[in-house]
């Protein structure tokens, strides 16, 4: 899967600039994004703060580690014990 150009922290920092009074076109030009991208970011990450994003990243990392542990555990379990 292709990795995006912008990090989640950068995406989350963009909508508050618009809320502070900067025009949408100026925000888009400044970050080199289209207005459709800006509004998609705003709808998806509009209410988040940077601290919330860091916590979300930590939870995603922990979740992926737990999924890997579960997959390893299931792969070592004999087939006769699976339900």
Protein backbone atom coordinates (compact mmCIF):
# COMPACT_ATOMS: atom_id res chain seq x y z
CA UNK A 1 0.00 0.00 0.00
CA UNK A 2 1.26 3.48 -0.85
CA UNK A 3 2.32 5.65 2.05
CA UNK A 4 0.86 9.13 2.00
CA UNK A 5 2.82 12.34 1.68
CA UNK A 6 1.46 13.78 4.89
CA UNK A 7 1.62 12.44 8.42
CA UNK A 8 -1.45 12.29 10.62
CA UNK A 9 0.01 15.03 12.80
CA UNK A 10 0.33 17.32 9.78
CA UNK A 11 -3.21 16.49 8.66
CA UNK A 12 -4.62 17.23 12.12
CA UNK A 13 -2.79 20.55 12.30
CA UNK A 14 -4.36 21.80 9.05
CA UNK A 15 -8.10 22.37 9.90
CA UNK A 16 -7.41 24.65 12.90
CA UNK A 17 -5.73 27.12 10.53
CA UNK A 18 -9.01 27.39 8.65
CA UNK A 19 -10.96 27.74 11.89
CA UNK A 20 -8.62 30.56 12.97
CA UNK A 21 -9.86 32.63 10.05
CA UNK A 22 -7.60 31.75 7.13
CA UNK A 23 -9.39 31.26 3.81
CA UNK A 24 -9.79 27.71 2.52
CA UNK A 25 -7.96 28.53 -0.69
CA UNK A 26 -5.01 29.94 1.26
CA UNK A 27 -4.79 26.88 3.52
CA UNK A 28 -4.88 24.58 0.47
CA UNK A 29 -2.25 26.60 -1.37
CA UNK A 30 0.00 26.71 1.69
CA UNK A 31 -0.09 22.93 2.16
CA UNK A 32 -0.23 22.09 -1.57
CA UNK A 33 -3.50 20.17 -1.36
CA UNK A 34 -6.82 20.39 -3.17
CA UNK A 35 -9.93 21.75 -1.50
CA UNK A 36 -11.49 18.27 -1.72
CA UNK A 37 -8.55 16.85 0.22
CA UNK A 38 -8.84 19.62 2.79
CA UNK A 39 -12.54 18.95 3.38
CA UNK A 40 -11.92 15.19 3.57
CA UNK A 41 -9.27 15.80 6.22
CA UNK A 42 -11.56 18.19 8.04
CA UNK A 43 -14.43 15.69 8.14
CA UNK A 44 -12.18 12.85 9.24
CA UNK A 45 -9.83 14.59 11.70
CA UNK A 46 -11.61 17.88 12.39
CA UNK A 47 -12.14 17.51 16.14
CA UNK A 48 -8.84 15.87 17.02
CA UNK A 49 -5.95 17.50 18.80
CA UNK A 50 -2.29 16.57 18.31
CA UNK A 51 -2.22 14.81 21.69
CA UNK A 52 -5.23 12.72 20.63
CA UNK A 53 -3.43 11.74 17.44
CA UNK A 54 -0.34 10.63 19.34
CA UNK A 55 -2.52 8.52 21.62
CA UNK A 56 -4.32 7.06 18.60
CA UNK A 57 -0.97 6.12 17.01
CA UNK A 58 0.15 4.45 20.23
CA UNK A 59 -3.09 2.46 20.40
CA UNK A 60 -2.75 1.39 16.76
CA UNK A 61 0.81 0.21 17.41
CA UNK A 62 -0.30 -1.75 20.46
CA UNK A 63 -3.19 -3.26 18.53
CA UNK A 64 -0.93 -4.42 15.72
CA UNK A 65 1.47 -6.03 18.23
CA UNK A 66 -1.41 -7.87 19.89
CA UNK A 67 -2.71 -9.07 16.52
CA UNK A 68 0.74 -10.43 15.65
CA UNK A 69 0.93 -12.25 18.99
CA UNK A 70 -2.51 -13.74 18.42
CA UNK A 71 -1.58 -14.86 14.91
CA UNK A 72 1.59 -16.50 16.19
CA UNK A 73 -0.35 -18.23 18.96
CA UNK A 74 -2.99 -19.51 16.53
CA UNK A 75 -0.36 -20.78 14.11
CA UNK A 76 1.33 -22.84 16.86
CA UNK A 77 -1.97 -24.33 18.09
CA UNK A 78 -2.64 -27.81 16.69
CA UNK A 79 -5.44 -28.01 14.12
CA UNK A 80 -7.44 -30.45 16.26
CA UNK A 81 -7.91 -27.85 19.01
CA UNK A 82 -9.27 -25.14 16.76
CA UNK A 83 -13.02 -24.57 16.74
